[in-house]
Amino acid sequence: MISMTDTAITKVKELMALQDREDSGLRIYVAGGGCSGLRYGMALDENPADDDDILQFDGLKVFIDPMSAPYLEGAQVDYVETMMGAGFKVDNPNAVSTCGCGSSFQTEESPAPSGESCH
């Protein structure tokens, strides 16, 4: 379904340790909004839903809900550090257009954006 780089896995585990939430998993999801129609989201979550896909990456649990799964198929999550800042980056082969902010995208099947601008 998705893949995660070693750097991303390490960073998530560091964040979990800093927040004393080692028993959590990482929820990755897609929601409506953003300047390209859809946006990525990530959050620590202790309780996967019954219908979540639960993936394991070097001991890190990743939860993906059934509505987000088709949009994330084949995506790779990375953590990058540049002079402009650091953060998680999703390389998604399903995206036909993305926003300059890097956190929103559009697929062939997703609705056209409603004139929102990048933040």
Protein backbone atom coordinates (compact mmCIF):
# COMPACT_ATOMS: atom_id res chain seq x y z
CA MET A 1 0.00 0.00 0.00
CA ILE A 2 2.49 2.68 1.16
CA SER A 3 6.15 2.71 2.06
CA MET A 4 8.15 4.75 4.55
CA THR A 5 11.80 5.67 4.40
CA ASP A 6 14.06 4.76 7.29
CA THR A 7 14.43 8.49 8.02
CA ALA A 8 10.65 8.94 8.33
CA ILE A 9 10.31 5.88 10.57
CA THR A 10 13.10 7.12 12.83
CA LYS A 11 11.60 10.62 13.06
CA VAL A 12 8.13 9.32 13.96
CA LYS A 13 9.62 7.12 16.67
CA GLU A 14 11.57 10.12 18.03
CA LEU A 15 8.38 12.21 18.15
CA MET A 16 6.53 9.39 19.90
CA ALA A 17 9.29 9.13 22.51
CA LEU A 18 9.32 12.90 23.08
CA GLN A 19 5.57 12.85 23.70
CA ASP A 20 5.76 9.65 25.79
CA ARG A 21 3.45 7.90 23.32
CA GLU A 22 5.50 4.86 22.34
CA ASP A 23 2.35 2.70 22.38
CA SER A 24 0.73 4.83 19.67
CA GLY A 25 0.69 4.31 15.95
CA LEU A 26 0.87 6.82 13.12
CA ARG A 27 -2.41 7.56 11.37
CA ILE A 28 -1.94 8.73 7.78
CA TYR A 29 -5.04 10.04 6.06
CA VAL A 30 -6.38 12.10 3.19
CA ALA A 31 -9.01 14.78 3.72
CA GLY A 32 -10.82 17.25 1.51
CA GLY A 33 -9.43 20.76 1.35
CA GLY A 34 -6.16 22.38 0.51
CA CYS A 35 -5.41 24.36 -2.60
CA SER A 36 -5.28 21.26 -4.83
CA GLY A 37 -8.50 19.63 -3.56
CA LEU A 38 -7.12 17.04 -1.12
CA ARG A 39 -4.63 17.28 1.71
CA TYR A 40 -2.49 14.82 3.64
CA GLY A 41 -2.75 14.45 7.38
CA MET A 42 -0.75 12.57 9.99
CA ALA A 43 -1.40 12.15 13.70
CA LEU A 44 -0.43 9.84 16.51
CA ASP A 45 -3.30 7.53 17.38
CA GLU A 46 -3.69 4.86 20.07
CA ASN A 47 -6.90 3.32 18.75
CA PRO A 48 -7.13 1.97 15.23
CA ALA A 49 -10.64 1.53 13.86
CA ASP A 50 -11.87 -1.98 13.10
CA ASP A 51 -11.71 -1.33 9.35
CA ASP A 52 -8.28 0.38 9.29
CA ASP A 53 -5.40 -1.14 7.38
CA ILE A 54 -2.62 -1.64 9.93
CA LEU A 55 0.89 -1.70 8.52
CA GLN A 56 4.18 -2.32 10.33
CA PHE A 57 7.46 -0.57 9.55
CA ASP A 58 10.34 -1.63 11.80
CA GLY A 59 8.00 -1.84 14.78
CA LEU A 60 6.07 1.34 13.90
CA LYS A 61 2.35 0.77 13.44
CA VAL A 62 0.70 2.81 10.68
CA PHE A 63 -3.09 3.12 10.43
CA ILE A 64 -4.88 3.98 7.18
CA ASP A 65 -8.64 4.29 6.95
CA PRO A 66 -10.52 2.69 4.01
CA MET A 67 -11.49 6.05 2.49
CA SER A 68 -7.86 7.27 2.38
CA ALA A 69 -6.35 3.98 1.20
CA PRO A 70 -7.03 4.37 -2.55
CA TYR A 71 -5.50 7.85 -2.59
CA LEU A 72 -2.36 6.63 -0.80
CA GLU A 73 -1.78 3.46 -2.84
CA GLY A 74 1.91 3.35 -3.80
CA ALA A 75 2.81 6.54 -1.89
CA GLN A 76 6.10 6.91 -0.04
CA VAL A 77 6.45 8.92 3.17
CA ASP A 78 9.81 10.55 3.83
CA TYR A 79 11.20 13.09 6.29
CA VAL A 80 13.32 15.80 4.71
CA GLU A 81 15.44 18.58 6.17
CA THR A 82 16.36 21.55 4.00
CA MET A 83 17.50 25.11 4.56
CA MET A 84 13.82 26.11 4.26
CA GLY A 85 12.72 23.79 7.06
CA ALA A 86 12.00 20.18 7.85
CA GLY A 87 8.97 17.98 7.66
CA PHE A 88 7.29 14.90 6.30
CA LYS A 89 6.94 14.62 2.54
CA VAL A 90 4.57 12.31 0.67
CA ASP A 91 5.60 11.20 -2.82
CA ASN A 92 2.30 10.08 -4.30
CA PRO A 93 2.09 8.48 -7.77
CA ASN A 94 -1.69 9.09 -7.76
CA ALA A 95 -1.31 12.88 -7.66
CA VAL A 96 -1.84 14.56 -11.03
CA SER A 97 -1.18 18.01 -9.56
CA THR A 98 0.25 19.26 -6.30
CA CYS A 99 0.46 22.58 -4.54
CA GLY A 100 3.69 24.43 -3.95
CA CYS A 101 3.17 23.97 -0.22
CA GLY A 102 3.53 20.20 -0.71
CA SER A 103 0.69 19.27 1.61
CA SER A 104 -2.18 19.13 -0.86
CA PHE A 105 -2.77 17.32 -4.13
CA GLN A 106 -5.34 16.34 -6.71
CA THR A 107 -5.97 13.00 -8.42
CA GLU A 108 -7.85 12.34 -11.62
CA GLU A 109 -10.83 11.19 -9.55
CA SER A 110 -10.76 13.94 -6.90
CA PRO A 111 -12.85 17.08 -7.21
CA ALA A 112 -11.33 20.23 -8.66
CA PRO A 113 -10.16 22.79 -6.12
CA SER A 114 -12.51 25.56 -5.13
CA GLY A 115 -10.15 28.51 -5.52
CA GLU A 116 -8.28 28.05 -2.22
CA SER A 117 -4.74 29.33 -2.01
CA CYS A 118 -1.67 27.68 -0.53
CA HIS A 119 -0.83 28.44 3.08
